[in-house]
């Protein structure tokens, strides 16, 4: 199986049950992007992903997460930070 096909299948598996207008919890965002909660909070704090406050937590727009995934998949892996 080609590398590109594997990437596409992985991406599809991550997003197949979500619509761009859906809201994600912090845990769902972390599972979708395969990142830690501290990395997700860093993305939020730096303004790389939008959010709204929901009670004591935050909710993230799935479309923003999809945008991050698209940018990450487009960046060659050379050891630099993969979340632009």
PDB file of N, CA and C in Angstrom:
ATOM      1  N   UNK A   1       0.853  -1.167   0.000  1.00  0.00           N
ATOM      2  CA  UNK A   1       0.000   0.000   0.000  1.00  0.00           C
ATOM      3  C   UNK A   1       0.907   1.241   0.000  1.00  0.00           C
ATOM      4  N   UNK A   2       0.584   2.187  -0.835  1.00  0.00           N
ATOM      5  CA  UNK A   2       1.406   3.386  -0.941  1.00  0.00           C
ATOM      6  C   UNK A   2       1.262   4.256   0.308  1.00  0.00           C
ATOM      7  N   UNK A   3       2.277   5.080   0.539  1.00  0.00           N
ATOM      8  CA  UNK A   3       2.266   5.981   1.687  1.00  0.00           C
ATOM      9  C   UNK A   3       1.076   6.928   1.625  1.00  0.00           C
ATOM     10  N   UNK A   4       0.823   7.500   0.449  1.00  0.00           N
ATOM     11  CA  UNK A   4      -0.283   8.443   0.298  1.00  0.00           C
ATOM     12  C   UNK A   4      -1.624   7.784   0.614  1.00  0.00           C
ATOM     13  N   UNK A   5      -1.789   6.552   0.184  1.00  0.00           N
ATOM     14  CA  UNK A   5      -3.039   5.835   0.460  1.00  0.00           C
ATOM     15  C   UNK A   5      -3.194   5.595   1.965  1.00  0.00           C
ATOM     16  N   UNK A   6      -2.094   5.248   2.650  1.00  0.00           N
ATOM     17  CA  UNK A   6      -2.145   5.042   4.094  1.00  0.00           C
ATOM     18  C   UNK A   6      -2.535   6.336   4.813  1.00  0.00           C
ATOM     19  N   UNK A   7      -1.948   7.462   4.371  1.00  0.00           N
ATOM     20  CA  UNK A   7      -2.264   8.754   4.973  1.00  0.00           C
ATOM     21  C   UNK A   7      -3.739   9.074   4.776  1.00  0.00           C
ATOM     22  N   UNK A   8      -4.242   8.854   3.574  1.00  0.00           N
ATOM     23  CA  UNK A   8      -5.644   9.134   3.287  1.00  0.00           C
ATOM     24  C   UNK A   8      -6.566   8.265   4.143  1.00  0.00           C
ATOM     25  N   UNK A   9      -6.268   6.990   4.245  1.00  0.00           N
ATOM     26  CA  UNK A   9      -7.101   6.077   5.040  1.00  0.00           C
ATOM     27  C   UNK A   9      -7.079   6.498   6.510  1.00  0.00           C
ATOM     28  N   UNK A  10      -5.904   6.845   7.028  1.00  0.00           N
ATOM     29  CA  UNK A  10      -5.788   7.293   8.420  1.00  0.00           C
ATOM     30  C   UNK A  10      -6.611   8.544   8.645  1.00  0.00           C
ATOM     31  N   UNK A  11      -6.495   9.510   7.739  1.00  0.00           N
ATOM     32  CA  UNK A  11      -7.255  10.752   7.839  1.00  0.00           C
ATOM     33  C   UNK A  11      -8.757  10.459   7.815  1.00  0.00           C
ATOM     34  N   UNK A  12      -9.207   9.601   6.900  1.00  0.00           N
ATOM     35  CA  UNK A  12     -10.625   9.262   6.793  1.00  0.00           C
ATOM     36  C   UNK A  12     -11.127   8.616   8.080  1.00  0.00           C
ATOM     37  N   UNK A  13     -10.351   7.705   8.651  1.00  0.00           N
ATOM     38  CA  UNK A  13     -10.764   7.035   9.882  1.00  0.00           C
ATOM     39  C   UNK A  13     -10.943   8.036  11.022  1.00  0.00           C
ATOM     40  N   UNK A  14     -10.107   9.066  11.057  1.00  0.00           N
ATOM     41  CA  UNK A  14     -10.184  10.060  12.122  1.00  0.00           C
ATOM     42  C   UNK A  14     -11.422  10.935  12.008  1.00  0.00           C
ATOM     43  N   UNK A  15     -11.871  11.237  10.792  1.00  0.00           N
ATOM     44  CA  UNK A  15     -12.906  12.255  10.617  1.00  0.00           C
ATOM     45  C   UNK A  15     -14.244  11.744  10.088  1.00  0.00           C
ATOM     46  N   UNK A  16     -14.385  10.481   9.848  1.00  0.00           N
ATOM     47  CA  UNK A  16     -15.590   9.996   9.169  1.00  0.00           C
ATOM     48  C   UNK A  16     -16.894  10.239   9.922  1.00  0.00           C
ATOM     49  N   UNK A  17     -16.855  10.371  11.225  1.00  0.00           N
ATOM     50  CA  UNK A  17     -18.094  10.573  11.991  1.00  0.00           C
ATOM     51  C   UNK A  17     -18.322  12.023  12.398  1.00  0.00           C
ATOM     52  N   UNK A  18     -17.509  12.932  11.908  1.00  0.00           N
ATOM     53  CA  UNK A  18     -17.628  14.330  12.290  1.00  0.00           C
ATOM     54  C   UNK A  18     -17.905  15.202  11.080  1.00  0.00           C
ATOM     55  N   UNK A  19     -18.735  16.215  11.289  1.00  0.00           N
ATOM     56  CA  UNK A  19     -19.016  17.233  10.279  1.00  0.00           C
ATOM     57  C   UNK A  19     -18.244  18.492  10.663  1.00  0.00           C
ATOM     58  N   UNK A  20     -17.880  19.325   9.698  1.00  0.00           N
ATOM     59  CA  UNK A  20     -17.122  20.551  10.020  1.00  0.00           C
ATOM     60  C   UNK A  20     -17.822  21.477  11.015  1.00  0.00           C
ATOM     61  N   UNK A  21     -19.145  21.424  11.086  1.00  0.00           N
ATOM     62  CA  UNK A  21     -19.887  22.289  12.005  1.00  0.00           C
ATOM     63  C   UNK A  21     -20.070  21.681  13.391  1.00  0.00           C
ATOM     64  N   UNK A  22     -19.593  20.461  13.597  1.00  0.00           N
ATOM     65  CA  UNK A  22     -19.703  19.813  14.903  1.00  0.00           C
ATOM     66  C   UNK A  22     -18.707  20.425  15.879  1.00  0.00           C
ATOM     67  N   UNK A  23     -19.050  20.387  17.151  1.00  0.00           N
ATOM     68  CA  UNK A  23     -18.154  20.866  18.201  1.00  0.00           C
ATOM     69  C   UNK A  23     -17.496  19.685  18.879  1.00  0.00           C
ATOM     70  N   UNK A  24     -16.224  19.813  19.203  1.00  0.00           N
ATOM     71  CA  UNK A  24     -15.449  18.754  19.832  1.00  0.00           C
ATOM     72  C   UNK A  24     -15.048  19.156  21.242  1.00  0.00           C
ATOM     73  N   UNK A  25     -15.023  18.186  22.145  1.00  0.00           N
ATOM     74  CA  UNK A  25     -14.466  18.424  23.470  1.00  0.00           C
ATOM     75  C   UNK A  25     -12.945  18.387  23.359  1.00  0.00           C
ATOM     76  N   UNK A  26     -12.260  18.755  24.422  1.00  0.00           N
ATOM     77  CA  UNK A  26     -10.804  18.704  24.430  1.00  0.00           C
ATOM     78  C   UNK A  26     -10.319  17.275  24.167  1.00  0.00           C
ATOM     79  N   UNK A  27     -10.968  16.317  24.808  1.00  0.00           N
ATOM     80  CA  UNK A  27     -10.575  14.910  24.631  1.00  0.00           C
ATOM     81  C   UNK A  27     -10.788  14.454  23.186  1.00  0.00           C
ATOM     82  N   UNK A  28     -11.917  14.814  22.578  1.00  0.00           N
ATOM     83  CA  UNK A  28     -12.171  14.444  21.188  1.00  0.00           C
ATOM     84  C   UNK A  28     -11.158  15.083  20.249  1.00  0.00           C
ATOM     85  N   UNK A  29     -10.818  16.347  20.516  1.00  0.00           N
ATOM     86  CA  UNK A  29      -9.816  17.032  19.708  1.00  0.00           C
ATOM     87  C   UNK A  29      -8.480  16.303  19.791  1.00  0.00           C
ATOM     88  N   UNK A  30      -8.088  15.928  20.997  1.00  0.00           N
ATOM     89  CA  UNK A  30      -6.827  15.217  21.190  1.00  0.00           C
ATOM     90  C   UNK A  30      -6.820  13.876  20.457  1.00  0.00           C
ATOM     91  N   UNK A  31      -7.917  13.158  20.522  1.00  0.00           N
ATOM     92  CA  UNK A  31      -8.008  11.868  19.819  1.00  0.00           C
ATOM     93  C   UNK A  31      -7.957  12.064  18.314  1.00  0.00           C
ATOM     94  N   UNK A  32      -8.647  13.078  17.816  1.00  0.00           N
ATOM     95  CA  UNK A  32      -8.688  13.345  16.383  1.00  0.00           C
ATOM     96  C   UNK A  32      -7.312  13.716  15.847  1.00  0.00           C
ATOM     97  N   UNK A  33      -6.595  14.566  16.581  1.00  0.00           N
ATOM     98  CA  UNK A  33      -5.292  15.043  16.121  1.00  0.00           C
ATOM     99  C   UNK A  33      -4.123  14.186  16.613  1.00  0.00           C
ATOM    100  N   UNK A  34      -4.415  13.219  17.486  1.00  0.00           N
ATOM    101  CA  UNK A  34      -3.372  12.378  18.090  1.00  0.00           C
ATOM    102  C   UNK A  34      -2.330  13.232  18.793  1.00  0.00           C
ATOM    103  N   UNK A  35      -2.815  14.098  19.701  1.00  0.00           N
ATOM    104  CA  UNK A  35      -1.938  14.971  20.470  1.00  0.00           C
ATOM    105  C   UNK A  35      -2.333  14.901  21.940  1.00  0.00           C
ATOM    106  N   UNK A  36      -1.453  15.389  22.790  1.00  0.00           N
ATOM    107  CA  UNK A  36      -1.745  15.430  24.226  1.00  0.00           C
ATOM    108  C   UNK A  36      -2.638  16.620  24.550  1.00  0.00           C
ATOM    109  N   UNK A  37      -3.226  16.591  25.743  1.00  0.00           N
ATOM    110  CA  UNK A  37      -4.058  17.709  26.171  1.00  0.00           C
ATOM    111  C   UNK A  37      -3.229  18.984  26.305  1.00  0.00           C
ATOM    112  N   UNK A  38      -1.992  18.858  26.751  1.00  0.00           N
ATOM    113  CA  UNK A  38      -1.155  20.054  26.884  1.00  0.00           C
ATOM    114  C   UNK A  38      -0.836  20.656  25.515  1.00  0.00           C
ATOM    115  N   UNK A  39      -0.637  19.822  24.501  1.00  0.00           N
ATOM    116  CA  UNK A  39      -0.394  20.335  23.152  1.00  0.00           C
ATOM    117  C   UNK A  39      -1.649  21.028  22.629  1.00  0.00           C
ATOM    118  N   UNK A  40      -2.829  20.468  22.892  1.00  0.00           N
ATOM    119  CA  UNK A  40      -4.083  21.077  22.463  1.00  0.00           C
ATOM    120  C   UNK A  40      -4.273  22.432  23.141  1.00  0.00           C
ATOM    121  N   UNK A  41      -3.962  22.498  24.424  1.00  0.00           N
ATOM    122  CA  UNK A  41      -4.064  23.773  25.135  1.00  0.00           C
ATOM    123  C   UNK A  41      -3.078  24.797  24.573  1.00  0.00           C
ATOM    124  N   UNK A  42      -1.905  24.329  24.177  1.00  0.00           N
ATOM    125  CA  UNK A  42      -0.912  25.216  23.566  1.00  0.00           C
ATOM    126  C   UNK A  42      -1.417  25.765  22.228  1.00  0.00           C
ATOM    127  N   UNK A  43      -2.044  24.913  21.429  1.00  0.00           N
ATOM    128  CA  UNK A  43      -2.619  25.355  20.154  1.00  0.00           C
ATOM    129  C   UNK A  43      -3.713  26.392  20.398  1.00  0.00           C
ATOM    130  N   UNK A  44      -4.509  26.156  21.429  1.00  0.00           N
ATOM    131  CA  UNK A  44      -5.594  27.085  21.788  1.00  0.00           C
ATOM    132  C   UNK A  44      -5.019  28.419  22.252  1.00  0.00           C
ATOM    133  N   UNK A  45      -4.046  28.361  23.145  1.00  0.00           N
ATOM    134  CA  UNK A  45      -3.456  29.573  23.715  1.00  0.00           C
ATOM    135  C   UNK A  45      -2.756  30.422  22.650  1.00  0.00           C
ATOM    136  N   UNK A  46      -2.119  29.755  21.684  1.00  0.00           N
ATOM    137  CA  UNK A  46      -1.388  30.481  20.641  1.00  0.00           C
ATOM    138  C   UNK A  46      -2.297  30.974  19.521  1.00  0.00           C
ATOM    139  N   UNK A  47      -3.579  30.580  19.564  1.00  0.00           N
ATOM    140  CA  UNK A  47      -4.531  31.039  18.559  1.00  0.00           C
ATOM    141  C   UNK A  47      -4.509  30.221  17.283  1.00  0.00           C
ATOM    142  N   UNK A  48      -3.870  29.072  17.316  1.00  0.00           N
ATOM    143  CA  UNK A  48      -3.808  28.218  16.119  1.00  0.00           C
ATOM    144  C   UNK A  48      -5.095  27.438  15.888  1.00  0.00           C
ATOM    145  N   UNK A  49      -5.939  27.363  16.924  1.00  0.00           N
ATOM    146  CA  UNK A  49      -7.242  26.707  16.783  1.00  0.00           C
ATOM    147  C   UNK A  49      -8.249  27.510  17.600  1.00  0.00           C
ATOM    148  N   UNK A  50      -9.397  27.747  17.000  1.00  0.00           N
ATOM    149  CA  UNK A  50     -10.437  28.504  17.676  1.00  0.00           C
ATOM    150  C   UNK A  50     -11.183  27.655  18.694  1.00  0.00           C
ATOM    151  N   UNK A  51     -11.836  28.327  19.626  1.00  0.00           N
ATOM    152  CA  UNK A  51     -12.585  27.609  20.659  1.00  0.00           C
ATOM    153  C   UNK A  51     -13.649  28.529  21.236  1.00  0.00           C
ATOM    154  N   UNK A  52     -14.581  27.915  21.946  1.00  0.00           N
ATOM    155  CA  UNK A  52     -15.541  28.661  22.751  1.00  0.00           C
ATOM    156  C   UNK A  52     -15.519  28.062  24.151  1.00  0.00           C
ATOM    157  N   UNK A  53     -15.852  28.872  25.125  1.00  0.00           N
ATOM    158  CA  UNK A  53     -15.946  28.373  26.490  1.00  0.00           C
ATOM    159  C   UNK A  53     -17.297  27.691  26.664  1.00  0.00           C
ATOM    160  N   UNK A  54     -17.279  26.564  27.329  1.00  0.00           N
ATOM    161  CA  UNK A  54     -18.490  25.817  27.621  1.00  0.00           C
ATOM    162  C   UNK A  54     -18.393  25.350  29.065  1.00  0.00           C
ATOM    163  N   UNK A  55     -19.002  26.110  29.952  1.00  0.00           N
ATOM    164  CA  UNK A  55     -18.870  25.798  31.370  1.00  0.00           C
ATOM    165  C   UNK A  55     -17.428  26.020  31.794  1.00  0.00           C
ATOM    166  N   UNK A  56     -16.817  25.010  32.412  1.00  0.00           N
ATOM    167  CA  UNK A  56     -15.422  25.109  32.817  1.00  0.00           C
ATOM    168  C   UNK A  56     -14.468  24.684  31.707  1.00  0.00           C
ATOM    169  N   UNK A  57     -14.994  24.095  30.650  1.00  0.00           N
ATOM    170  CA  UNK A  57     -14.147  23.593  29.578  1.00  0.00           C
ATOM    171  C   UNK A  57     -14.250  24.419  28.314  1.00  0.00           C
ATOM    172  N   UNK A  58     -13.662  23.900  27.270  1.00  0.00           N
ATOM    173  CA  UNK A  58     -13.681  24.553  25.964  1.00  0.00           C
ATOM    174  C   UNK A  58     -14.200  23.574  24.927  1.00  0.00           C
ATOM    175  N   UNK A  59     -14.798  24.132  23.896  1.00  0.00           N
ATOM    176  CA  UNK A  59     -15.266  23.336  22.754  1.00  0.00           C
ATOM    177  C   UNK A  59     -14.555  23.856  21.508  1.00  0.00           C
ATOM    178  N   UNK A  60     -14.210  22.943  20.615  1.00  0.00           N
ATOM    179  CA  UNK A  60     -13.446  23.275  19.427  1.00  0.00           C
ATOM    180  C   UNK A  60     -14.248  22.903  18.189  1.00  0.00           C
ATOM    181  N   UNK A  61     -14.228  23.763  17.192  1.00  0.00           N
ATOM    182  CA  UNK A  61     -14.959  23.509  15.961  1.00  0.00           C
ATOM    183  C   UNK A  61     -14.223  22.437  15.148  1.00  0.00           C
ATOM    184  N   UNK A  62     -14.931  21.390  14.749  1.00  0.00           N
ATOM    185  CA  UNK A  62     -14.318  20.290  14.011  1.00  0.00           C
ATOM    186  C   UNK A  62     -13.669  20.786  12.720  1.00  0.00           C
ATOM    187  N   UNK A  63     -14.266  21.774  12.071  1.00  0.00           N
ATOM    188  CA  UNK A  63     -13.693  22.309  10.838  1.00  0.00           C
ATOM    189  C   UNK A  63     -12.304  22.891  11.058  1.00  0.00           C
ATOM    190  N   UNK A  64     -12.074  23.526  12.212  1.00  0.00           N
ATOM    191  CA  UNK A  64     -10.745  24.040  12.532  1.00  0.00           C
ATOM    192  C   UNK A  64      -9.754  22.898  12.712  1.00  0.00           C
ATOM    193  N   UNK A  65     -10.201  21.824  13.363  1.00  0.00           N
ATOM    194  CA  UNK A  65      -9.336  20.659  13.547  1.00  0.00           C
ATOM    195  C   UNK A  65      -9.007  20.030  12.193  1.00  0.00           C
ATOM    196  N   UNK A  66      -9.988  19.955  11.296  1.00  0.00           N
ATOM    197  CA  UNK A  66      -9.744  19.406   9.964  1.00  0.00           C
ATOM    198  C   UNK A  66      -8.713  20.253   9.229  1.00  0.00           C
ATOM    199  N   UNK A  67      -8.804  21.582   9.398  1.00  0.00           N
ATOM    200  CA  UNK A  67      -7.833  22.479   8.775  1.00  0.00           C
ATOM    201  C   UNK A  67      -6.426  22.220   9.279  1.00  0.00           C
ATOM    202  N   UNK A  68      -6.291  21.982  10.592  1.00  0.00           N
ATOM    203  CA  UNK A  68      -4.980  21.639  11.148  1.00  0.00           C
ATOM    204  C   UNK A  68      -4.467  20.333  10.570  1.00  0.00           C
ATOM    205  N   UNK A  69      -5.351  19.345  10.455  1.00  0.00           N
ATOM    206  CA  UNK A  69      -4.946  18.057   9.883  1.00  0.00           C
ATOM    207  C   UNK A  69      -4.461  18.226   8.448  1.00  0.00           C
ATOM    208  N   UNK A  70      -5.158  19.034   7.667  1.00  0.00           N
ATOM    209  CA  UNK A  70      -4.755  19.250   6.282  1.00  0.00           C
ATOM    210  C   UNK A  70      -3.388  19.905   6.209  1.00  0.00           C
ATOM    211  N   UNK A  71      -3.134  20.894   7.072  1.00  0.00           N
ATOM    212  CA  UNK A  71      -1.831  21.563   7.062  1.00  0.00           C
ATOM    213  C   UNK A  71      -0.730  20.618   7.509  1.00  0.00           C
ATOM    214  N   UNK A  72      -1.016  19.784   8.514  1.00  0.00           N
ATOM    215  CA  UNK A  72      -0.014  18.847   9.011  1.00  0.00           C
ATOM    216  C   UNK A  72       0.327  17.820   7.945  1.00  0.00           C
ATOM    217  N   UNK A  73      -0.680  17.311   7.268  1.00  0.00           N
ATOM    218  CA  UNK A  73      -0.439  16.308   6.233  1.00  0.00           C
ATOM    219  C   UNK A  73       0.361  16.894   5.075  1.00  0.00           C
ATOM    220  N   UNK A  74       0.274  18.204   4.847  1.00  0.00           N
ATOM    221  CA  UNK A  74       0.975  18.843   3.732  1.00  0.00           C
ATOM    222  C   UNK A  74       2.420  19.194   4.070  1.00  0.00           C
ATOM    223  N   UNK A  75       2.777  19.192   5.360  1.00  0.00           N
ATOM    224  CA  UNK A  75       4.122  19.575   5.779  1.00  0.00           C
ATOM    225  C   UNK A  75       5.019  18.342   5.807  1.00  0.00           C
ATOM    226  N   UNK A  76       6.198  18.404   5.134  1.00  0.00           N
ATOM    227  CA  UNK A  76       7.121  17.271   5.198  1.00  0.00           C
ATOM    228  C   UNK A  76       7.643  17.093   6.617  1.00  0.00           C
ATOM    229  N   UNK A  77       7.810  15.898   7.034  1.00  0.00           N
ATOM    230  CA  UNK A  77       8.278  15.593   8.380  1.00  0.00           C
ATOM    231  C   UNK A  77       9.813  15.647   8.409  1.00  0.00           C
ATOM    232  N   UNK A  78      10.347  16.768   8.857  1.00  0.00           N
ATOM    233  CA  UNK A  78      11.797  16.925   8.924  1.00  0.00           C
ATOM    234  C   UNK A  78      12.283  17.191  10.336  1.00  0.00           C
ATOM    235  N   UNK A  79      11.482  16.831  11.311  1.00  0.00           N
ATOM    236  CA  UNK A  79      11.867  17.015  12.693  1.00  0.00           C
ATOM    237  C   UNK A  79      11.405  18.326  13.297  1.00  0.00           C
ATOM    238  N   UNK A  80      10.866  19.210  12.497  1.00  0.00           N
ATOM    239  CA  UNK A  80      10.367  20.486  13.018  1.00  0.00           C
ATOM    240  C   UNK A  80       8.987  20.300  13.597  1.00  0.00           C
ATOM    241  N   UNK A  81       8.475  21.327  14.252  1.00  0.00           N
ATOM    242  CA  UNK A  81       7.135  21.312  14.818  1.00  0.00           C
ATOM    243  C   UNK A  81       6.124  21.062  13.693  1.00  0.00           C
ATOM    244  N   UNK A  82       5.334  20.010  13.796  1.00  0.00           N
ATOM    245  CA  UNK A  82       4.409  19.665  12.710  1.00  0.00           C
ATOM    246  C   UNK A  82       3.096  20.419  12.785  1.00  0.00           C
ATOM    247  N   UNK A  83       2.859  21.142  13.895  1.00  0.00           N
ATOM    248  CA  UNK A  83       1.630  21.928  13.984  1.00  0.00           C
ATOM    249  C   UNK A  83       1.970  23.393  13.749  1.00  0.00           C
ATOM    250  N   UNK A  84       1.783  23.839  12.473  1.00  0.00           N
ATOM    251  CA  UNK A  84       2.158  25.206  12.111  1.00  0.00           C
ATOM    252  C   UNK A  84       1.400  26.253  12.887  1.00  0.00           C
TER     253      UNK A  84
END
